[in-house]
Amino acid sequence: MLTCHFRSGKKYNRPLSVCQITPTVILRNTFLERKGRSVVSQAEQVILYGDKYAAVYYSKNNKSYVMKLKGHPERVRRRP
């Protein structure tokens, strides 16, 4: 669910599937690193929304994990 807040004070809730967020970048078979940790995990798909949030999907789980991007999202790359 996505909540849009307007300067007038109004807010609306809509399913993410009916919203258009730009820029949106879809990455497949991506390795994720967390700063300060030596653990690396492989995600089947990562969707970057508006250079602020990432929805991460793992291969054995249909659930998405939403993470706030820190730093520079342009440094997110697909590894061979």
C-alpha atoms as a PDB file:
ATOM      1  CA  MET A   1       0.000   0.000   0.000  1.00  0.00           C
ATOM      2  CA  LEU A   2       1.309   3.428  -0.931  1.00  0.00           C
ATOM      3  CA  THR A   3       0.271   6.578   0.905  1.00  0.00           C
ATOM      4  CA  CYS A   4       0.493   9.899  -0.945  1.00  0.00           C
ATOM      5  CA  HIS A   5       0.665  13.041   1.193  1.00  0.00           C
ATOM      6  CA  PHE A   6      -0.267  16.394  -0.335  1.00  0.00           C
ATOM      7  CA  ARG A   7       0.608  19.887   0.856  1.00  0.00           C
ATOM      8  CA  SER A   8      -3.076  20.579   1.440  1.00  0.00           C
ATOM      9  CA  GLY A   9      -2.995  17.975   4.202  1.00  0.00           C
ATOM     10  CA  LYS A  10      -4.955  15.373   2.257  1.00  0.00           C
ATOM     11  CA  LYS A  11      -3.608  11.865   1.913  1.00  0.00           C
ATOM     12  CA  TYR A  12      -4.672   8.900  -0.160  1.00  0.00           C
ATOM     13  CA  ASN A  13      -3.873   5.185   0.125  1.00  0.00           C
ATOM     14  CA  ARG A  14      -3.559   3.122  -3.041  1.00  0.00           C
ATOM     15  CA  PRO A  15      -2.136  -0.319  -3.861  1.00  0.00           C
ATOM     16  CA  LEU A  16       1.376  -0.076  -5.240  1.00  0.00           C
ATOM     17  CA  SER A  17       0.261  -1.972  -8.344  1.00  0.00           C
ATOM     18  CA  VAL A  18      -1.932   0.965  -9.492  1.00  0.00           C
ATOM     19  CA  CYS A  19       0.671   3.673  -8.807  1.00  0.00           C
ATOM     20  CA  GLN A  20       3.320   5.040 -11.141  1.00  0.00           C
ATOM     21  CA  ILE A  21       6.592   5.908  -9.423  1.00  0.00           C
ATOM     22  CA  THR A  22       9.480   7.359 -11.387  1.00  0.00           C
ATOM     23  CA  PRO A  23      12.218   6.431 -11.661  1.00  0.00           C
ATOM     24  CA  THR A  24      11.640   2.705 -11.271  1.00  0.00           C
ATOM     25  CA  VAL A  25      14.498   0.281 -11.922  1.00  0.00           C
ATOM     26  CA  ILE A  26      14.133  -3.518 -11.982  1.00  0.00           C
ATOM     27  CA  LEU A  27      17.208  -5.640 -11.282  1.00  0.00           C
ATOM     28  CA  ARG A  28      17.296  -9.440 -11.545  1.00  0.00           C
ATOM     29  CA  ASN A  29      19.698 -11.907  -9.873  1.00  0.00           C
ATOM     30  CA  THR A  30      21.301  -9.216  -7.757  1.00  0.00           C
ATOM     31  CA  PHE A  31      23.633  -9.589  -4.803  1.00  0.00           C
ATOM     32  CA  LEU A  32      22.809  -7.443  -1.787  1.00  0.00           C
ATOM     33  CA  GLU A  33      25.397  -6.177   0.650  1.00  0.00           C
ATOM     34  CA  ARG A  34      24.656  -4.475   3.923  1.00  0.00           C
ATOM     35  CA  LYS A  35      27.083  -1.884   5.151  1.00  0.00           C
ATOM     36  CA  GLY A  36      29.129  -3.134   8.078  1.00  0.00           C
ATOM     37  CA  ARG A  37      28.207  -6.786   7.507  1.00  0.00           C
ATOM     38  CA  SER A  38      30.105  -9.498   5.723  1.00  0.00           C
ATOM     39  CA  VAL A  39      26.955 -11.392   4.743  1.00  0.00           C
ATOM     40  CA  VAL A  40      25.902 -11.182   1.103  1.00  0.00           C
ATOM     41  CA  SER A  41      22.522 -12.430  -0.086  1.00  0.00           C
ATOM     42  CA  GLN A  42      21.262 -13.084  -3.582  1.00  0.00           C
ATOM     43  CA  ALA A  43      17.870 -11.665  -4.511  1.00  0.00           C
ATOM     44  CA  GLU A  44      15.893 -12.931  -7.462  1.00  0.00           C
ATOM     45  CA  GLN A  45      14.500  -9.465  -8.148  1.00  0.00           C
ATOM     46  CA  VAL A  46      14.951  -5.979  -6.711  1.00  0.00           C
ATOM     47  CA  ILE A  47      12.695  -3.085  -7.706  1.00  0.00           C
ATOM     48  CA  LEU A  48      14.040   0.378  -6.916  1.00  0.00           C
ATOM     49  CA  TYR A  49      11.306   2.987  -6.443  1.00  0.00           C
ATOM     50  CA  GLY A  50      12.060   6.681  -6.745  1.00  0.00           C
ATOM     51  CA  ASP A  51      15.711   6.304  -5.687  1.00  0.00           C
ATOM     52  CA  LYS A  52      14.503   5.922  -2.088  1.00  0.00           C
ATOM     53  CA  TYR A  53      13.098   2.442  -1.524  1.00  0.00           C
ATOM     54  CA  ALA A  54      13.762  -1.085  -2.736  1.00  0.00           C
ATOM     55  CA  ALA A  55      11.360  -4.010  -2.807  1.00  0.00           C
ATOM     56  CA  VAL A  56      13.454  -7.180  -2.562  1.00  0.00           C
ATOM     57  CA  TYR A  57      12.161 -10.579  -3.687  1.00  0.00           C
ATOM     58  CA  TYR A  58      14.000 -13.812  -2.877  1.00  0.00           C
ATOM     59  CA  SER A  59      13.616 -16.965  -5.002  1.00  0.00           C
ATOM     60  CA  LYS A  60      12.031 -19.189  -2.348  1.00  0.00           C
ATOM     61  CA  ASN A  61       9.630 -16.602  -0.975  1.00  0.00           C
ATOM     62  CA  ASN A  62       6.767 -14.700  -2.620  1.00  0.00           C
ATOM     63  CA  LYS A  63       6.887 -12.026   0.082  1.00  0.00           C
ATOM     64  CA  SER A  64       8.618  -8.748  -0.700  1.00  0.00           C
ATOM     65  CA  TYR A  65      10.895  -6.990   1.760  1.00  0.00           C
ATOM     66  CA  VAL A  66      10.886  -3.194   1.585  1.00  0.00           C
ATOM     67  CA  MET A  67      14.151  -1.470   2.424  1.00  0.00           C
ATOM     68  CA  LYS A  68      15.087   2.192   2.518  1.00  0.00           C
ATOM     69  CA  LEU A  69      18.059   2.970   0.294  1.00  0.00           C
ATOM     70  CA  LYS A  70      20.968   4.690   1.949  1.00  0.00           C
ATOM     71  CA  GLY A  71      23.752   6.384   0.088  1.00  0.00           C
ATOM     72  CA  HIS A  72      23.729   6.540  -3.670  1.00  0.00           C
ATOM     73  CA  PRO A  73      21.289   4.223  -5.482  1.00  0.00           C
ATOM     74  CA  GLU A  74      23.288   4.529  -8.701  1.00  0.00           C
ATOM     75  CA  ARG A  75      25.918   2.359  -6.992  1.00  0.00           C
ATOM     76  CA  VAL A  76      23.474  -0.555  -7.037  1.00  0.00           C
ATOM     77  CA  ARG A  77      24.672  -2.825  -9.822  1.00  0.00           C
ATOM     78  CA  ARG A  78      24.129  -6.290 -11.125  1.00  0.00           C
ATOM     79  CA  ARG A  79      27.054  -8.592 -10.550  1.00  0.00           C
ATOM     80  CA  PRO A  80      28.006 -11.361 -12.972  1.00  0.00           C
END
